[in-house]
Amino acid sequence: MTPTDDWIIPQEWSSYTAEQHATWDTLFARQAKLLPGRVAPAFLSGLEFLRLAKPGIPDFEELSERLMKATGWQVVAVPGLVPDDVFFDHLANRRFVAGNFIRRADQLDYLQEPDVFHDVFGHVPLLADPVFADYLQAYGIGGQRANGLGAIRNLARLYWYTVEFGLVQTADGLRIYGAGIASSHSESIFALEDPSPNRIGFDLQRIMRTLYRIDDFQQTYFVIDNFEALLETTLNTDFAPLYDALTSVEDIAVDQIEPGDRIIWRGTQSHAHAA
């Protein structure tokens, strides 16, 4: 199927097989059992509000109807990863793009390209939270600006270390909110419990200088205080001079500790060294 300019395609929910629905159910049951006490409370509230525990791959039309009532967002199907400008336009207009395919039953623990489980289970519950929903739209609007300033590389790191692999400090300790962690059984454990990775307090410029891994667990996780602070920083920062400043400094390695870091946990990096 040739994508349109916005890359939206029909989900074709009725074409999913019983085996594909069963794969979703297996993945869902495993994460639903693991995440309480590990994931941000807003994530669990979103799961319940959106009725994602209903068996089978969610129907995007039903999901969007509930989500629209909460925060004005909707979920649209795409064939896979989309171009940056398309992605930012969708986020800026409160449309979350989700792959309409699901991994095979023998790929439960790793998939190179995000599928419907990662996109919907991992991302969509927090879109029912008004503050996080505003943050993701603000990110999309910022992405449109960054695209014109040639700064996508730096801004992509903010998405990676928040939306995909972010941790949040709560009264009960660190919790997961990043979709890349929340949708992964093994990284849900690693990100919170393993001594290997660094866990560092959120700093916008620091994050936008920091490289990241796409082939293994993260060697550094960044910790926000709350969604309100994340949104406020995004809305109140003039990114143009920040991008200019970043052109004159070097990138920071994935395992590096910087002098000004607010260190929550200094990792041993044992996992990376053993790889």
C-alpha atoms as a PDB file:
ATOM      1  CA  MET A   1       0.000   0.000   0.000  1.00  0.00           C
ATOM      2  CA  THR A   2       1.367   3.407  -0.992  1.00  0.00           C
ATOM      3  CA  PRO A   3       1.151   5.862   1.917  1.00  0.00           C
ATOM      4  CA  THR A   4      -0.660   9.163   1.516  1.00  0.00           C
ATOM      5  CA  ASP A   5       1.046  12.462   2.322  1.00  0.00           C
ATOM      6  CA  ASP A   6       0.102  12.013   5.977  1.00  0.00           C
ATOM      7  CA  TRP A   7       1.001   8.301   5.866  1.00  0.00           C
ATOM      8  CA  ILE A   8      -2.306   7.336   7.499  1.00  0.00           C
ATOM      9  CA  ILE A   9      -3.697   3.980   6.428  1.00  0.00           C
ATOM     10  CA  PRO A  10      -6.731   1.975   7.557  1.00  0.00           C
ATOM     11  CA  GLN A  11      -6.047  -0.134  10.622  1.00  0.00           C
ATOM     12  CA  GLU A  12      -8.101  -2.978   9.113  1.00  0.00           C
ATOM     13  CA  TRP A  13      -8.879  -4.351  12.561  1.00  0.00           C
ATOM     14  CA  SER A  14     -11.046  -7.128  11.151  1.00  0.00           C
ATOM     15  CA  SER A  15      -8.044  -8.587   9.291  1.00  0.00           C
ATOM     16  CA  TYR A  16      -6.097  -9.477  12.444  1.00  0.00           C
ATOM     17  CA  THR A  17      -5.885 -13.225  12.977  1.00  0.00           C
ATOM     18  CA  ALA A  18      -6.684 -15.109  16.169  1.00  0.00           C
ATOM     19  CA  GLU A  19      -2.953 -15.755  16.545  1.00  0.00           C
ATOM     20  CA  GLN A  20      -2.181 -12.029  16.322  1.00  0.00           C
ATOM     21  CA  HIS A  21      -4.805 -11.193  18.931  1.00  0.00           C
ATOM     22  CA  ALA A  22      -3.353 -13.952  21.133  1.00  0.00           C
ATOM     23  CA  THR A  23       0.120 -12.408  20.799  1.00  0.00           C
ATOM     24  CA  TRP A  24      -1.254  -9.083  22.039  1.00  0.00           C
ATOM     25  CA  ASP A  25      -2.982 -10.840  24.949  1.00  0.00           C
ATOM     26  CA  THR A  26       0.232 -12.646  25.913  1.00  0.00           C
ATOM     27  CA  LEU A  27       2.240  -9.427  25.855  1.00  0.00           C
ATOM     28  CA  PHE A  28      -0.463  -7.507  27.706  1.00  0.00           C
ATOM     29  CA  ALA A  29      -0.853 -10.098  30.468  1.00  0.00           C
ATOM     30  CA  ARG A  30       2.883 -10.231  31.049  1.00  0.00           C
ATOM     31  CA  GLN A  31       3.262  -6.445  31.368  1.00  0.00           C
ATOM     32  CA  ALA A  32       0.041  -5.967  33.329  1.00  0.00           C
ATOM     33  CA  LYS A  33       1.376  -8.368  35.940  1.00  0.00           C
ATOM     34  CA  LEU A  34       4.827  -6.778  36.078  1.00  0.00           C
ATOM     35  CA  LEU A  35       4.136  -3.032  35.975  1.00  0.00           C
ATOM     36  CA  PRO A  36       2.116  -2.256  39.133  1.00  0.00           C
ATOM     37  CA  GLY A  37       4.596  -0.743  41.568  1.00  0.00           C
ATOM     38  CA  ARG A  38       7.025  -0.062  38.713  1.00  0.00           C
ATOM     39  CA  VAL A  39       5.182   2.264  36.357  1.00  0.00           C
ATOM     40  CA  ALA A  40       3.871   5.797  36.922  1.00  0.00           C
ATOM     41  CA  PRO A  41       0.370   5.761  38.452  1.00  0.00           C
ATOM     42  CA  ALA A  42      -0.932   7.815  35.511  1.00  0.00           C
ATOM     43  CA  PHE A  43       0.009   4.961  33.177  1.00  0.00           C
ATOM     44  CA  LEU A  44      -2.093   2.454  35.113  1.00  0.00           C
ATOM     45  CA  SER A  45      -4.969   4.943  35.242  1.00  0.00           C
ATOM     46  CA  GLY A  46      -4.745   5.317  31.468  1.00  0.00           C
ATOM     47  CA  LEU A  47      -4.851   1.562  30.941  1.00  0.00           C
ATOM     48  CA  GLU A  48      -8.039   1.396  32.970  1.00  0.00           C
ATOM     49  CA  PHE A  49      -9.692   4.475  31.480  1.00  0.00           C
ATOM     50  CA  LEU A  50      -9.019   3.314  27.913  1.00  0.00           C
ATOM     51  CA  ARG A  51     -10.118  -0.260  28.714  1.00  0.00           C
ATOM     52  CA  LEU A  52      -6.956  -1.683  27.226  1.00  0.00           C
ATOM     53  CA  ALA A  53      -7.395  -4.850  29.266  1.00  0.00           C
ATOM     54  CA  LYS A  54     -10.133  -5.854  26.825  1.00  0.00           C
ATOM     55  CA  PRO A  55      -8.858  -8.993  25.012  1.00  0.00           C
ATOM     56  CA  GLY A  56      -7.320  -8.589  21.585  1.00  0.00           C
ATOM     57  CA  ILE A  57      -5.585  -5.807  19.686  1.00  0.00           C
ATOM     58  CA  PRO A  58      -7.444  -2.547  20.334  1.00  0.00           C
ATOM     59  CA  ASP A  59      -9.628  -1.046  17.628  1.00  0.00           C
ATOM     60  CA  PHE A  60      -8.178   2.426  16.984  1.00  0.00           C
ATOM     61  CA  GLU A  61     -11.623   3.940  16.366  1.00  0.00           C
ATOM     62  CA  GLU A  62     -12.897   2.797  19.767  1.00  0.00           C
ATOM     63  CA  LEU A  63      -9.639   3.830  21.420  1.00  0.00           C
ATOM     64  CA  SER A  64      -9.706   7.272  19.829  1.00  0.00           C
ATOM     65  CA  GLU A  65     -13.297   7.844  20.883  1.00  0.00           C
ATOM     66  CA  ARG A  66     -12.356   7.377  24.555  1.00  0.00           C
ATOM     67  CA  LEU A  67      -9.117   9.320  24.206  1.00  0.00           C
ATOM     68  CA  MET A  68     -10.802  12.273  22.513  1.00  0.00           C
ATOM     69  CA  LYS A  69     -13.129  12.632  25.477  1.00  0.00           C
ATOM     70  CA  ALA A  70     -10.186  12.776  27.878  1.00  0.00           C
ATOM     71  CA  THR A  71      -7.562  14.899  26.134  1.00  0.00           C
ATOM     72  CA  GLY A  72      -8.536  15.455  22.507  1.00  0.00           C
ATOM     73  CA  TRP A  73      -6.034  12.954  21.123  1.00  0.00           C
ATOM     74  CA  GLN A  74      -6.654  10.205  18.599  1.00  0.00           C
ATOM     75  CA  VAL A  75      -4.696   7.186  17.387  1.00  0.00           C
ATOM     76  CA  VAL A  76      -4.101   6.755  13.658  1.00  0.00           C
ATOM     77  CA  ALA A  77      -2.607   3.776  11.856  1.00  0.00           C
ATOM     78  CA  VAL A  78       0.577   4.022   9.796  1.00  0.00           C
ATOM     79  CA  PRO A  79       2.574   1.293   8.011  1.00  0.00           C
ATOM     80  CA  GLY A  80       5.704   1.833  10.125  1.00  0.00           C
ATOM     81  CA  LEU A  81       8.142   4.622  10.895  1.00  0.00           C
ATOM     82  CA  VAL A  82       7.153   7.891   9.214  1.00  0.00           C
ATOM     83  CA  PRO A  83       9.256  10.890   8.069  1.00  0.00           C
ATOM     84  CA  ASP A  84      10.108  13.470  10.723  1.00  0.00           C
ATOM     85  CA  ASP A  85       7.921  16.221   9.285  1.00  0.00           C
ATOM     86  CA  VAL A  86       4.917  13.893   9.132  1.00  0.00           C
ATOM     87  CA  PHE A  87       5.525  12.678  12.692  1.00  0.00           C
ATOM     88  CA  PHE A  88       5.786  16.190  14.108  1.00  0.00           C
ATOM     89  CA  ASP A  89       2.677  17.361  12.251  1.00  0.00           C
ATOM     90  CA  HIS A  90       0.625  14.532  13.716  1.00  0.00           C
ATOM     91  CA  LEU A  91       1.830  15.188  17.267  1.00  0.00           C
ATOM     92  CA  ALA A  92       1.262  18.933  16.924  1.00  0.00           C
ATOM     93  CA  ASN A  93      -2.349  18.162  15.973  1.00  0.00           C
ATOM     94  CA  ARG A  94      -2.890  15.578  18.726  1.00  0.00           C
ATOM     95  CA  ARG A  95      -2.701  12.538  16.498  1.00  0.00           C
ATOM     96  CA  PHE A  96      -0.551   9.666  17.690  1.00  0.00           C
ATOM     97  CA  VAL A  97       0.739   7.427  14.902  1.00  0.00           C
ATOM     98  CA  ALA A  98       0.796   3.699  15.593  1.00  0.00           C
ATOM     99  CA  GLY A  99       1.966   0.806  13.477  1.00  0.00           C
ATOM    100  CA  ASN A 100      -0.952  -1.446  12.584  1.00  0.00           C
ATOM    101  CA  PHE A 101       1.146  -4.642  12.568  1.00  0.00           C
ATOM    102  CA  ILE A 102       2.109  -6.849  15.511  1.00  0.00           C
ATOM    103  CA  ARG A 103       5.258  -8.858  16.135  1.00  0.00           C
ATOM    104  CA  ARG A 104       5.321 -12.612  15.647  1.00  0.00           C
ATOM    105  CA  ALA A 105       4.849 -14.907  18.623  1.00  0.00           C
ATOM    106  CA  ASP A 106       8.586 -15.737  18.518  1.00  0.00           C
ATOM    107  CA  GLN A 107       9.537 -12.040  18.790  1.00  0.00           C
ATOM    108  CA  LEU A 108       8.008 -11.246  22.166  1.00  0.00           C
ATOM    109  CA  ASP A 109      11.163  -9.799  23.699  1.00  0.00           C
ATOM    110  CA  TYR A 110      12.705  -7.765  20.895  1.00  0.00           C
ATOM    111  CA  LEU A 111      11.511  -6.024  17.770  1.00  0.00           C
ATOM    112  CA  GLN A 112      13.622  -3.607  15.738  1.00  0.00           C
ATOM    113  CA  GLU A 113      10.675  -1.556  14.467  1.00  0.00           C
ATOM    114  CA  PRO A 114       7.888  -0.475  16.849  1.00  0.00           C
ATOM    115  CA  ASP A 115       4.659  -2.436  16.412  1.00  0.00           C
ATOM    116  CA  VAL A 116       1.111  -1.954  17.643  1.00  0.00           C
ATOM    117  CA  PHE A 117       1.950  -3.293  21.107  1.00  0.00           C
ATOM    118  CA  HIS A 118       4.808  -0.875  21.637  1.00  0.00           C
ATOM    119  CA  ASP A 119       2.892   2.042  20.167  1.00  0.00           C
ATOM    120  CA  VAL A 120      -0.476   1.462  21.820  1.00  0.00           C
ATOM    121  CA  PHE A 121       0.331  -0.285  25.098  1.00  0.00           C
ATOM    122  CA  GLY A 122       3.544   1.674  25.624  1.00  0.00           C
ATOM    123  CA  HIS A 123       2.487   5.167  24.544  1.00  0.00           C
ATOM    124  CA  VAL A 124      -1.264   5.608  24.537  1.00  0.00           C
ATOM    125  CA  PRO A 125      -2.133   5.192  28.264  1.00  0.00           C
ATOM    126  CA  LEU A 126      -0.279   8.410  29.150  1.00  0.00           C
ATOM    127  CA  LEU A 127      -2.129  10.304  26.432  1.00  0.00           C
ATOM    128  CA  ALA A 128      -5.145  10.072  28.737  1.00  0.00           C
ATOM    129  CA  ASP A 129      -3.199  12.207  31.245  1.00  0.00           C
ATOM    130  CA  PRO A 130      -3.855  15.894  30.457  1.00  0.00           C
ATOM    131  CA  VAL A 131      -0.386  17.140  31.388  1.00  0.00           C
ATOM    132  CA  PHE A 132       1.536  14.475  29.499  1.00  0.00           C
ATOM    133  CA  ALA A 133      -0.841  14.878  26.550  1.00  0.00           C
ATOM    134  CA  ASP A 134       0.026  18.600  26.465  1.00  0.00           C
ATOM    135  CA  TYR A 135       3.736  17.783  26.653  1.00  0.00           C
ATOM    136  CA  LEU A 136       3.604  15.499  23.632  1.00  0.00           C
ATOM    137  CA  GLN A 137       1.748  18.104  21.597  1.00  0.00           C
ATOM    138  CA  ALA A 138       4.291  20.741  22.670  1.00  0.00           C
ATOM    139  CA  TYR A 139       7.048  18.389  21.571  1.00  0.00           C
ATOM    140  CA  GLY A 140       5.421  18.034  18.154  1.00  0.00           C
ATOM    141  CA  ILE A 141       5.176  21.811  17.742  1.00  0.00           C
ATOM    142  CA  GLY A 142       8.807  22.099  18.833  1.00  0.00           C
ATOM    143  CA  GLY A 143       9.729  19.446  16.292  1.00  0.00           C
ATOM    144  CA  GLN A 144       8.226  21.496  13.485  1.00  0.00           C
ATOM    145  CA  ARG A 145      10.441  24.411  14.520  1.00  0.00           C
ATOM    146  CA  ALA A 146      13.524  22.224  14.951  1.00  0.00           C
ATOM    147  CA  ASN A 147      12.993  20.808  11.475  1.00  0.00           C
ATOM    148  CA  GLY A 148      13.430  24.304  10.064  1.00  0.00           C
ATOM    149  CA  LEU A 149      16.509  24.964  12.205  1.00  0.00           C
ATOM    150  CA  GLY A 150      18.332  21.750  11.330  1.00  0.00           C
ATOM    151  CA  ALA A 151      18.212  20.588  14.945  1.00  0.00           C
ATOM    152  CA  ILE A 152      16.257  17.336  14.690  1.00  0.00           C
ATOM    153  CA  ARG A 153      19.210  15.300  15.965  1.00  0.00           C
ATOM    154  CA  ASN A 154      19.251  17.153  19.283  1.00  0.00           C
ATOM    155  CA  LEU A 155      15.486  17.249  19.728  1.00  0.00           C
ATOM    156  CA  ALA A 156      15.198  13.535  18.958  1.00  0.00           C
ATOM    157  CA  ARG A 157      17.282  12.862  22.048  1.00  0.00           C
ATOM    158  CA  LEU A 158      14.691  14.638  24.198  1.00  0.00           C
ATOM    159  CA  TYR A 159      11.980  12.315  22.864  1.00  0.00           C
ATOM    160  CA  TRP A 160      14.196   9.288  23.373  1.00  0.00           C
ATOM    161  CA  TYR A 161      15.096  10.060  26.973  1.00  0.00           C
ATOM    162  CA  THR A 162      11.589  11.140  28.000  1.00  0.00           C
ATOM    163  CA  VAL A 163       8.764   9.688  25.903  1.00  0.00           C
ATOM    164  CA  GLU A 164      10.604   6.447  25.148  1.00  0.00           C
ATOM    165  CA  PHE A 165      12.954   5.803  28.064  1.00  0.00           C
ATOM    166  CA  GLY A 166      12.034   8.238  30.815  1.00  0.00           C
ATOM    167  CA  LEU A 167      11.837   7.620  34.560  1.00  0.00           C
ATOM    168  CA  VAL A 168       9.941   9.779  37.049  1.00  0.00           C
ATOM    169  CA  GLN A 169      10.593  10.350  40.741  1.00  0.00           C
ATOM    170  CA  THR A 170       7.539   9.735  42.913  1.00  0.00           C
ATOM    171  CA  ALA A 171       6.875   9.667  46.653  1.00  0.00           C
ATOM    172  CA  ASP A 172       7.193   5.897  46.411  1.00  0.00           C
ATOM    173  CA  GLY A 173      10.460   5.906  44.465  1.00  0.00           C
ATOM    174  CA  LEU A 174      11.465   5.797  40.809  1.00  0.00           C
ATOM    175  CA  ARG A 175       8.790   4.780  38.335  1.00  0.00           C
ATOM    176  CA  ILE A 176       8.725   4.096  34.596  1.00  0.00           C
ATOM    177  CA  TYR A 177       6.856   6.301  32.169  1.00  0.00           C
ATOM    178  CA  GLY A 178       8.795   5.827  28.910  1.00  0.00           C
ATOM    179  CA  ALA A 179       7.050   3.594  26.389  1.00  0.00           C
ATOM    180  CA  GLY A 180      10.212   1.769  25.379  1.00  0.00           C
ATOM    181  CA  ILE A 181      10.550   0.563  28.953  1.00  0.00           C
ATOM    182  CA  ALA A 182       6.860   0.056  29.761  1.00  0.00           C
ATOM    183  CA  SER A 183       6.351  -2.193  26.733  1.00  0.00           C
ATOM    184  CA  SER A 184       9.472  -4.284  27.436  1.00  0.00           C
ATOM    185  CA  HIS A 185       9.387  -7.017  30.078  1.00  0.00           C
ATOM    186  CA  SER A 186      13.151  -7.184  30.512  1.00  0.00           C
ATOM    187  CA  GLU A 187      13.842  -3.439  30.444  1.00  0.00           C
ATOM    188  CA  SER A 188      11.039  -2.795  32.955  1.00  0.00           C
ATOM    189  CA  ILE A 189      13.202  -4.696  35.421  1.00  0.00           C
ATOM    190  CA  PHE A 190      16.588  -3.458  34.205  1.00  0.00           C
ATOM    191  CA  ALA A 191      15.729   0.249  34.213  1.00  0.00           C
ATOM    192  CA  LEU A 192      14.688   0.273  37.875  1.00  0.00           C
ATOM    193  CA  GLU A 193      16.634  -2.504  39.552  1.00  0.00           C
ATOM    194  CA  ASP A 194      19.869  -3.244  37.726  1.00  0.00           C
ATOM    195  CA  PRO A 195      23.026  -1.568  39.106  1.00  0.00           C
ATOM    196  CA  SER A 196      24.429  -1.173  35.590  1.00  0.00           C
ATOM    197  CA  PRO A 197      22.842   2.043  34.177  1.00  0.00           C
ATOM    198  CA  ASN A 198      23.309   5.611  35.332  1.00  0.00           C
ATOM    199  CA  ARG A 199      20.173   7.337  36.586  1.00  0.00           C
ATOM    200  CA  ILE A 200      20.545  11.103  36.332  1.00  0.00           C
ATOM    201  CA  GLY A 201      18.236  14.023  37.089  1.00  0.00           C
ATOM    202  CA  PHE A 202      16.592  15.648  34.080  1.00  0.00           C
ATOM    203  CA  ASP A 203      18.501  18.499  32.448  1.00  0.00           C
ATOM    204  CA  LEU A 204      17.324  19.664  29.024  1.00  0.00           C
ATOM    205  CA  GLN A 205      20.655  20.724  27.550  1.00  0.00           C
ATOM    206  CA  ARG A 206      22.420  17.673  28.985  1.00  0.00           C
ATOM    207  CA  ILE A 207      19.872  15.354  27.385  1.00  0.00           C
ATOM    208  CA  MET A 208      20.125  17.065  24.015  1.00  0.00           C
ATOM    209  CA  ARG A 209      23.879  16.478  24.035  1.00  0.00           C
ATOM    210  CA  THR A 210      23.669  12.812  25.037  1.00  0.00           C
ATOM    211  CA  LEU A 211      23.967   9.933  22.591  1.00  0.00           C
ATOM    212  CA  TYR A 212      21.707   6.904  23.025  1.00  0.00           C
ATOM    213  CA  ARG A 213      21.572   3.223  22.183  1.00  0.00           C
ATOM    214  CA  ILE A 214      19.057   1.617  19.862  1.00  0.00           C
ATOM    215  CA  ASP A 215      20.480  -1.910  20.070  1.00  0.00           C
ATOM    216  CA  ASP A 216      20.437  -2.708  23.793  1.00  0.00           C
ATOM    217  CA  PHE A 217      19.306  -1.511  27.193  1.00  0.00           C
ATOM    218  CA  GLN A 218      20.067   2.141  27.883  1.00  0.00           C
ATOM    219  CA  GLN A 219      23.283   2.934  29.727  1.00  0.00           C
ATOM    220  CA  THR A 220      21.781   6.126  31.158  1.00  0.00           C
ATOM    221  CA  TYR A 221      18.225   7.006  32.148  1.00  0.00           C
ATOM    222  CA  PHE A 222      17.082  10.533  32.943  1.00  0.00           C
ATOM    223  CA  VAL A 223      14.646  11.146  35.800  1.00  0.00           C
ATOM    224  CA  ILE A 224      12.013  13.895  35.812  1.00  0.00           C
ATOM    225  CA  ASP A 225      10.410  15.224  38.983  1.00  0.00           C
ATOM    226  CA  ASN A 226       6.911  15.174  37.496  1.00  0.00           C
ATOM    227  CA  PHE A 227       5.038  15.706  34.233  1.00  0.00           C
ATOM    228  CA  GLU A 228       4.214  19.305  35.143  1.00  0.00           C
ATOM    229  CA  ALA A 229       7.896  20.219  35.378  1.00  0.00           C
ATOM    230  CA  LEU A 230       8.609  18.477  32.069  1.00  0.00           C
ATOM    231  CA  LEU A 231       5.834  20.405  30.326  1.00  0.00           C
ATOM    232  CA  GLU A 232       6.834  23.714  31.906  1.00  0.00           C
ATOM    233  CA  THR A 233      10.462  23.314  30.808  1.00  0.00           C
ATOM    234  CA  THR A 234       9.375  22.522  27.264  1.00  0.00           C
ATOM    235  CA  LEU A 235       6.959  25.436  27.012  1.00  0.00           C
ATOM    236  CA  ASN A 236       9.196  28.035  28.682  1.00  0.00           C
ATOM    237  CA  THR A 237      12.504  27.291  26.949  1.00  0.00           C
ATOM    238  CA  ASP A 238      13.606  29.269  23.906  1.00  0.00           C
ATOM    239  CA  PHE A 239      15.074  26.411  21.909  1.00  0.00           C
ATOM    240  CA  ALA A 240      16.675  28.439  19.094  1.00  0.00           C
ATOM    241  CA  PRO A 241      19.617  29.795  21.149  1.00  0.00           C
ATOM    242  CA  LEU A 242      19.912  26.410  22.820  1.00  0.00           C
ATOM    243  CA  TYR A 243      20.363  24.746  19.429  1.00  0.00           C
ATOM    244  CA  ASP A 244      22.965  27.377  18.542  1.00  0.00           C
ATOM    245  CA  ALA A 245      24.869  26.650  21.749  1.00  0.00           C
ATOM    246  CA  LEU A 246      24.811  22.922  21.093  1.00  0.00           C
ATOM    247  CA  THR A 247      26.668  23.356  17.804  1.00  0.00           C
ATOM    248  CA  SER A 248      29.805  24.388  19.695  1.00  0.00           C
ATOM    249  CA  VAL A 249      29.925  21.560  22.250  1.00  0.00           C
ATOM    250  CA  GLU A 250      30.695  17.884  21.879  1.00  0.00           C
ATOM    251  CA  ASP A 251      28.215  15.072  22.269  1.00  0.00           C
ATOM    252  CA  ILE A 252      28.214  13.181  25.558  1.00  0.00           C
ATOM    253  CA  ALA A 253      28.812   9.438  25.496  1.00  0.00           C
ATOM    254  CA  VAL A 254      25.999   7.121  26.604  1.00  0.00           C
ATOM    255  CA  ASP A 255      27.788   6.091  29.801  1.00  0.00           C
ATOM    256  CA  GLN A 256      29.451   9.378  30.730  1.00  0.00           C
ATOM    257  CA  ILE A 257      28.944  11.216  34.020  1.00  0.00           C
ATOM    258  CA  GLU A 258      29.296  15.013  33.763  1.00  0.00           C
ATOM    259  CA  PRO A 259      30.484  17.298  36.610  1.00  0.00           C
ATOM    260  CA  GLY A 260      27.119  19.061  36.883  1.00  0.00           C
ATOM    261  CA  ASP A 261      24.975  15.919  36.843  1.00  0.00           C
ATOM    262  CA  ARG A 262      22.429  15.322  39.593  1.00  0.00           C
ATOM    263  CA  ILE A 263      23.305  11.694  40.140  1.00  0.00           C
ATOM    264  CA  ILE A 264      20.545   9.508  41.474  1.00  0.00           C
ATOM    265  CA  TRP A 265      22.487   6.316  40.823  1.00  0.00           C
ATOM    266  CA  ARG A 266      26.015   5.989  39.423  1.00  0.00           C
ATOM    267  CA  GLY A 267      25.870   2.883  37.273  1.00  0.00           C
ATOM    268  CA  THR A 268      28.482   0.151  37.178  1.00  0.00           C
ATOM    269  CA  GLN A 269      27.987  -0.276  33.397  1.00  0.00           C
ATOM    270  CA  SER A 270      28.433  -4.006  34.001  1.00  0.00           C
ATOM    271  CA  HIS A 271      25.796  -4.941  31.441  1.00  0.00           C
ATOM    272  CA  ALA A 272      27.424  -2.948  28.664  1.00  0.00           C
ATOM    273  CA  HIS A 273      30.901  -4.197  29.545  1.00  0.00           C
ATOM    274  CA  ALA A 274      29.710  -7.798  29.436  1.00  0.00           C
ATOM    275  CA  ALA A 275      28.072  -7.430  26.028  1.00  0.00           C
END
